[in-house]
Amino acid sequence: MQRRTFLKALSSTALAGAGLSSSLHLYGGDDPSGELPIIDTHQHLWDLKRFRLDWLKGTPEVLKRNYLTQDYLEATIGLNVQKSVYLEVDVAVEQQRAEADYINELIESGQHPTAAAVISGRCDTPEFAEYIRTYKDKSAIKGVRDLLQGSPRGRCLQPQFVKSLQLLGELGLSFDMTIRPTELSDGRKAVQQCPDTLFVIDHCGVADPKAFMPAHRDTAAHDADTWRRDMDNLAKEPNTVCKISGIVAHVPQEWDTEDLAPIVNHCLDVFGPDRVMFGSDWPVCLLGAPLSRWVASLKEIVNSRPLAEQNKLFHDNAIRHYRLNTE
């Protein structure tokens, strides 16, 4: 559904049914400023009355509340966000199917900017095949993420895990890889065993901006040169794309756009203009900055690149790699 059609379709009744305010200013109008159109490929939503997110216990208070469509619409006012792709939120294992069904119904309602979803799943279990086949004919479901960031090292290389990754490719689904930056070499080994599966490398390989800031290098999660080398190697695999997302959540309290530039520019250079996509990582991005500041910083970093490449980053590549409906 085109953005203008989407806005017209949202009657006051529909908004009320979706828990939205009919007076809410959606997307800042028809964008007379000529801002780049955006497809956000990494949107989170969570309703803590519906789902249990145990990982929130150790996070700052800003994340310990509901984040629903209304909140997202408010956060994106004026940014010309036309569509978004939902990313699973690491719910309790027993709630995974309920989360997938919930987001699929939300998308199919046509009353939200969320146009597609990457759902959760446990790839290291034999039951994964039956689980994911349930969604293979759901056009809104584009892929799976099994969060590796908190897993024991080598989990993505276990035979059952690799078998599940290969199955995703057979079903025409992708895998979002969120893995510790010190384990990107393991990620590449998994990618190499699954040539028919598209891997979306989330959050610039979970890069830590502090690794590129002299005053903060001692507290960084990884070494800058090792990260560069590992991302270079991942980019050599033709079945990988890189999501420019997540990094703002790891900045120190005081930061500038130039602190993010080494990560962004390296990813854009090694993956090339056709294999990069913008993602907000909202609301997790709030750990470092409002969504509007993250978008502004990224636009500043890429401002000297050709406009066609900027459009690919913020919009066009998302349509292709997540196989989005352009109607």
Protein backbone atom coordinates (compact mmCIF):
# COMPACT_ATOMS: atom_id res chain seq x y z
CA MET A 1 0.00 0.00 0.00
CA GLN A 2 1.45 3.39 -0.95
CA ARG A 3 2.00 5.83 1.90
CA ARG A 4 -0.71 8.27 0.75
CA THR A 5 -3.22 5.43 0.43
CA PHE A 6 -2.17 4.18 3.85
CA LEU A 7 -2.88 7.53 5.43
CA LYS A 8 -6.27 7.85 3.79
CA ALA A 9 -7.21 4.37 4.94
CA LEU A 10 -6.62 5.23 8.56
CA SER A 11 -10.02 6.47 9.59
CA SER A 12 -10.69 7.60 13.13
CA THR A 13 -12.40 4.28 13.78
CA ALA A 14 -9.42 2.31 12.55
CA LEU A 15 -7.07 4.41 14.61
CA ALA A 16 -9.10 3.87 17.72
CA GLY A 17 -9.14 0.14 17.08
CA ALA A 18 -5.37 0.11 16.78
CA GLY A 19 -4.94 2.06 19.99
CA LEU A 20 -3.94 5.28 18.18
CA SER A 21 -5.08 8.83 18.54
CA SER A 22 -7.07 10.13 15.56
CA SER A 23 -5.40 13.51 16.02
CA LEU A 24 -1.88 12.09 15.72
CA HIS A 25 0.18 13.71 12.97
CA LEU A 26 1.29 10.75 10.89
CA TYR A 27 4.75 10.97 9.28
CA GLY A 28 4.78 14.74 9.15
CA GLY A 29 2.37 15.09 6.22
CA ASP A 30 3.33 14.61 2.55
CA ASP A 31 6.93 15.71 3.08
CA PRO A 32 7.04 19.05 1.22
CA SER A 33 10.68 19.41 2.28
CA GLY A 34 11.74 16.70 -0.14
CA GLU A 35 13.27 14.51 2.55
CA LEU A 36 14.53 11.12 1.44
CA PRO A 37 11.83 8.45 1.76
CA ILE A 38 12.71 5.94 4.47
CA ILE A 39 11.93 2.30 4.99
CA ASP A 40 12.96 1.39 8.50
CA THR A 41 14.24 -2.19 8.46
CA HIS A 42 14.65 -2.61 12.22
CA GLN A 43 11.59 -1.55 14.18
CA HIS A 44 10.73 -3.04 17.55
CA LEU A 45 7.33 -2.92 19.24
CA TRP A 46 6.49 -4.42 22.60
CA ASP A 47 3.47 -4.58 24.85
CA LEU A 48 4.59 -5.71 28.30
CA LYS A 49 1.04 -6.68 29.20
CA ARG A 50 1.07 -9.18 26.35
CA PHE A 51 4.68 -10.44 26.23
CA ARG A 52 7.44 -11.18 28.71
CA LEU A 53 10.82 -9.67 27.90
CA ASP A 54 13.16 -11.00 30.58
CA TRP A 55 16.15 -9.18 29.12
CA LEU A 56 14.64 -5.83 30.09
CA LYS A 57 15.47 -6.48 33.74
CA GLY A 58 19.06 -5.37 33.23
CA THR A 59 18.39 -2.36 31.01
CA PRO A 60 17.95 1.37 31.74
CA GLU A 61 14.50 2.56 32.72
CA VAL A 62 13.84 4.20 29.35
CA LEU A 63 13.16 0.78 27.83
CA LYS A 64 11.00 -0.60 30.63
CA ARG A 65 7.66 0.52 29.24
CA ASN A 66 5.35 -0.29 26.35
CA TYR A 67 6.39 0.82 22.88
CA LEU A 68 3.46 0.60 20.48
CA THR A 69 2.59 1.92 17.03
CA GLN A 70 1.42 5.26 18.42
CA ASP A 71 4.82 5.81 20.04
CA TYR A 72 6.59 4.90 16.81
CA LEU A 73 4.47 7.30 14.77
CA GLU A 74 5.32 10.08 17.19
CA ALA A 75 9.03 9.22 17.06
CA THR A 76 9.04 9.36 13.25
CA ILE A 77 7.15 12.60 12.70
CA GLY A 78 8.86 14.60 9.97
CA LEU A 79 11.23 11.78 8.96
CA ASN A 80 9.26 10.55 5.92
CA VAL A 81 9.23 6.96 7.14
CA GLN A 82 6.97 5.15 4.70
CA LYS A 83 7.17 1.57 5.94
CA SER A 84 8.88 -0.43 8.63
CA VAL A 85 10.04 -3.99 9.17
CA TYR A 86 9.38 -5.45 12.60
CA LEU A 87 12.23 -7.31 14.29
CA GLU A 88 11.48 -9.86 16.97
CA VAL A 89 12.05 -8.71 20.55
CA ASP A 90 13.42 -11.85 22.21
CA VAL A 91 10.23 -12.83 24.01
CA ALA A 92 10.11 -15.83 26.32
CA VAL A 93 10.48 -19.04 24.29
CA GLU A 94 6.94 -20.19 25.01
CA GLN A 95 5.61 -16.90 23.58
CA GLN A 96 7.42 -17.01 20.23
CA ARG A 97 4.49 -18.34 18.24
CA ALA A 98 2.15 -15.84 19.91
CA GLU A 99 4.52 -13.00 18.98
CA ALA A 100 4.71 -14.17 15.37
CA ASP A 101 0.94 -14.48 15.10
CA TYR A 102 0.43 -11.09 16.76
CA ILE A 103 2.72 -9.20 14.41
CA ASN A 104 1.39 -11.03 11.36
CA GLU A 105 -2.16 -10.00 12.26
CA LEU A 106 -1.03 -6.42 12.88
CA ILE A 107 0.57 -6.24 9.43
CA GLU A 108 -2.37 -7.86 7.67
CA SER A 109 -4.74 -5.32 9.23
CA GLY A 110 -3.24 -2.60 7.02
CA GLN A 111 -3.62 -0.12 9.87
CA HIS A 112 0.04 0.23 10.75
CA PRO A 113 3.24 1.35 9.00
CA THR A 114 4.72 -2.07 9.80
CA ALA A 115 4.75 -3.87 6.45
CA ALA A 116 6.82 -6.99 7.16
CA ALA A 117 8.38 -8.93 10.00
CA VAL A 118 11.40 -10.94 10.99
CA ILE A 119 10.17 -13.33 13.66
CA SER A 120 11.99 -15.23 16.36
CA GLY A 121 12.79 -18.92 16.38
CA ARG A 122 15.18 -21.36 18.02
CA CYS A 123 17.33 -22.63 15.17
CA ASP A 124 19.17 -25.14 17.34
CA THR A 125 16.07 -27.22 18.04
CA PRO A 126 14.63 -30.02 15.87
CA GLU A 127 11.18 -28.45 16.27
CA PHE A 128 12.28 -25.35 14.35
CA ALA A 129 11.45 -26.86 10.95
CA GLU A 130 7.81 -27.51 11.83
CA TYR A 131 7.54 -24.11 13.50
CA ILE A 132 8.87 -22.07 10.58
CA ARG A 133 6.93 -24.01 7.95
CA THR A 134 3.79 -22.69 9.64
CA TYR A 135 4.74 -19.22 8.34
CA LYS A 136 6.21 -20.03 4.93
CA ASP A 137 3.02 -18.93 3.16
CA LYS A 138 2.53 -15.80 5.27
CA SER A 139 3.60 -13.04 2.91
CA ALA A 140 4.32 -10.63 5.77
CA ILE A 141 6.94 -12.94 7.32
CA LYS A 142 10.28 -12.33 5.64
CA GLY A 143 12.79 -14.01 7.89
CA VAL A 144 13.95 -15.18 11.29
CA ARG A 145 16.27 -13.90 13.95
CA ASP A 146 17.67 -16.18 16.61
CA LEU A 147 19.57 -13.73 18.79
CA LEU A 148 23.20 -14.86 18.99
CA GLN A 149 24.50 -11.87 20.90
CA GLY A 150 23.95 -13.54 24.26
CA SER A 151 24.59 -17.14 23.19
CA PRO A 152 27.62 -19.31 23.91
CA ARG A 153 30.29 -18.93 21.26
CA GLY A 154 29.93 -21.33 18.36
CA ARG A 155 26.17 -21.83 18.70
CA CYS A 156 25.56 -20.70 15.12
CA LEU A 157 27.93 -23.45 13.91
CA GLN A 158 26.15 -26.34 15.59
CA PRO A 159 24.84 -28.85 13.00
CA GLN A 160 21.18 -28.35 13.89
CA PHE A 161 21.56 -24.58 13.76
CA VAL A 162 23.18 -24.72 10.33
CA LYS A 163 20.49 -27.11 9.10
CA SER A 164 17.83 -24.61 10.16
CA LEU A 165 19.66 -21.77 8.42
CA GLN A 166 19.74 -23.81 5.23
CA LEU A 167 16.02 -24.50 5.55
CA LEU A 168 15.33 -20.78 5.65
CA GLY A 169 16.95 -20.42 2.25
CA GLU A 170 14.88 -23.28 0.89
CA LEU A 171 11.73 -21.51 2.08
CA GLY A 172 12.77 -18.16 0.62
CA LEU A 173 13.33 -16.62 4.05
CA SER A 174 16.34 -14.66 5.32
CA PHE A 175 18.23 -14.73 8.61
CA ASP A 176 19.02 -11.62 10.63
CA MET A 177 22.38 -12.21 12.30
CA THR A 178 22.89 -10.27 15.52
CA ILE A 179 26.17 -11.61 16.85
CA ARG A 180 28.92 -10.29 19.12
CA PRO A 181 31.52 -8.31 17.15
CA THR A 182 34.25 -10.59 18.46
CA GLU A 183 32.52 -13.60 16.85
CA LEU A 184 31.97 -12.30 13.33
CA SER A 185 34.39 -14.92 12.01
CA ASP A 186 32.02 -17.62 13.32
CA GLY A 187 29.20 -15.83 11.57
CA ARG A 188 31.08 -16.01 8.30
CA LYS A 189 31.62 -19.76 8.68
CA ALA A 190 27.86 -20.20 9.12
CA VAL A 191 27.15 -18.01 6.09
CA GLN A 192 29.52 -20.07 3.95
CA GLN A 193 27.61 -23.26 4.77
CA CYS A 194 24.30 -21.74 3.63
CA PRO A 195 24.88 -20.24 0.17
CA ASP A 196 21.16 -20.17 -0.65
CA THR A 197 20.18 -18.19 2.46
CA LEU A 198 20.36 -14.40 2.64
CA PHE A 199 22.04 -13.16 5.82
CA VAL A 200 21.31 -9.67 7.10
CA ILE A 201 24.21 -8.59 9.31
CA ASP A 202 22.49 -6.49 11.95
CA HIS A 203 23.84 -3.36 13.57
CA CYS A 204 27.00 -3.10 11.45
CA GLY A 205 28.17 -6.33 13.04
CA VAL A 206 27.18 -4.94 16.46
CA ALA A 207 30.02 -2.45 16.16
CA ASP A 208 30.88 -0.34 19.20
CA PRO A 209 31.58 3.33 18.37
CA LYS A 210 33.83 3.57 21.43
CA ALA A 211 36.38 1.40 19.62
CA PHE A 212 36.94 4.33 17.25
CA MET A 213 37.02 7.04 19.93
CA PRO A 214 40.49 7.50 21.49
CA ALA A 215 39.10 8.57 24.85
CA HIS A 216 36.89 5.48 25.13
CA ARG A 217 38.82 2.67 23.44
CA ASP A 218 39.65 1.00 26.75
CA THR A 219 35.94 0.42 27.41
CA ALA A 220 35.01 -0.74 23.90
CA ALA A 221 33.54 -4.19 23.26
CA HIS A 222 36.06 -5.00 20.53
CA ASP A 223 39.19 -3.93 18.70
CA ALA A 224 38.61 -1.61 15.74
CA ASP A 225 41.05 -3.29 13.36
CA THR A 226 39.74 -6.79 14.06
CA TRP A 227 36.17 -5.61 13.44
CA ARG A 228 37.22 -4.03 10.13
CA ARG A 229 38.90 -7.23 8.98
CA ASP A 230 35.96 -9.43 9.98
CA MET A 231 33.44 -7.17 8.28
CA ASP A 232 35.64 -7.14 5.17
CA ASN A 233 35.47 -10.93 5.15
CA LEU A 234 31.73 -11.07 5.69
CA ALA A 235 31.21 -8.64 2.84
CA LYS A 236 33.09 -11.04 0.54
CA GLU A 237 30.23 -13.52 0.91
CA PRO A 238 27.67 -12.74 -1.80
CA ASN A 239 24.71 -13.83 0.35
CA THR A 240 25.24 -11.10 2.98
CA VAL A 241 23.85 -7.60 3.33
CA CYS A 242 24.59 -5.13 6.11
CA LYS A 243 22.05 -3.27 8.19
CA ILE A 244 23.22 0.21 9.18
CA SER A 245 21.58 0.22 12.57
CA GLY A 246 22.12 -0.23 16.27
CA ILE A 247 25.41 1.59 16.75
CA VAL A 248 23.92 4.68 18.36
CA ALA A 249 22.76 2.54 21.31
CA HIS A 250 26.43 2.04 22.29
CA VAL A 251 27.70 5.61 22.23
CA PRO A 252 29.02 7.29 25.40
CA GLN A 253 26.97 10.08 26.92
CA GLU A 254 28.75 12.74 24.88
CA TRP A 255 29.12 11.97 21.19
CA ASP A 256 29.13 13.59 17.76
CA THR A 257 28.20 12.44 14.30
CA GLU A 258 31.88 11.99 13.43
CA ASP A 259 32.11 9.29 16.12
CA LEU A 260 29.76 7.09 14.07
CA ALA A 261 31.29 7.86 10.68
CA PRO A 262 34.15 5.29 10.73
CA ILE A 263 31.68 2.44 11.24
CA VAL A 264 29.11 3.64 8.74
CA ASN A 265 31.61 4.48 6.03
CA HIS A 266 33.47 1.20 6.38
CA CYS A 267 30.26 -0.81 6.05
CA LEU A 268 29.10 1.21 3.05
CA ASP A 269 32.46 0.85 1.36
CA VAL A 270 32.95 -2.88 1.81
CA PHE A 271 29.36 -4.01 1.22
CA GLY A 272 28.74 -1.51 -1.55
CA PRO A 273 25.68 0.64 -2.29
CA ASP A 274 23.41 -2.28 -3.19
CA ARG A 275 23.92 -4.33 0.00
CA VAL A 276 23.21 -1.87 2.82
CA MET A 277 19.93 -0.91 4.52
CA PHE A 278 18.94 1.62 7.16
CA GLY A 279 17.44 0.42 10.44
CA SER A 280 16.36 2.55 13.40
CA ASP A 281 16.63 -0.09 16.14
CA TRP A 282 13.87 1.92 17.80
CA PRO A 283 13.26 2.09 20.74
CA VAL A 284 16.63 0.55 21.70
CA CYS A 285 18.30 3.49 19.94
CA LEU A 286 16.99 5.67 22.78
CA LEU A 287 19.88 4.38 24.88
CA GLY A 288 22.03 6.75 22.84
CA ALA A 289 19.75 9.25 21.12
CA PRO A 290 16.23 9.94 19.85
CA LEU A 291 15.47 8.38 16.49
CA SER A 292 15.46 11.80 14.83
CA ARG A 293 19.06 12.44 15.89
CA TRP A 294 20.22 9.03 14.64
CA VAL A 295 18.61 9.68 11.25
CA ALA A 296 20.08 13.18 11.07
CA SER A 297 23.55 11.89 11.92
CA LEU A 298 23.42 9.15 9.32
CA LYS A 299 22.22 11.58 6.66
CA GLU A 300 25.11 13.88 7.53
CA ILE A 301 27.60 11.03 7.18
CA VAL A 302 26.34 9.97 3.75
CA ASN A 303 25.60 13.46 2.44
CA SER A 304 28.61 13.51 0.09
CA ARG A 305 27.63 10.20 -1.54
CA PRO A 306 25.51 10.18 -4.72
CA LEU A 307 21.82 10.73 -4.11
CA ALA A 308 21.04 7.42 -5.82
CA GLU A 309 23.18 5.62 -3.23
CA GLN A 310 21.46 7.47 -0.38
CA ASN A 311 18.09 6.37 -1.74
CA LYS A 312 19.29 2.79 -1.88
CA LEU A 313 20.45 2.94 1.73
CA PHE A 314 17.30 4.52 3.14
CA HIS A 315 14.66 2.97 0.88
CA ASP A 316 15.31 0.98 -2.28
CA ASN A 317 17.49 -1.83 -0.92
CA ALA A 318 14.95 -2.62 1.79
CA ILE A 319 12.32 -3.34 -0.84
CA ARG A 320 14.60 -5.77 -2.64
CA HIS A 321 16.24 -7.58 0.27
CA TYR A 322 13.11 -7.88 2.41
CA ARG A 323 10.93 -8.47 -0.66
CA LEU A 324 8.43 -5.76 0.22
CA ASN A 325 5.23 -5.02 -1.63
CA THR A 326 5.55 -1.67 -3.37
CA GLU A 327 1.83 -1.16 -3.94
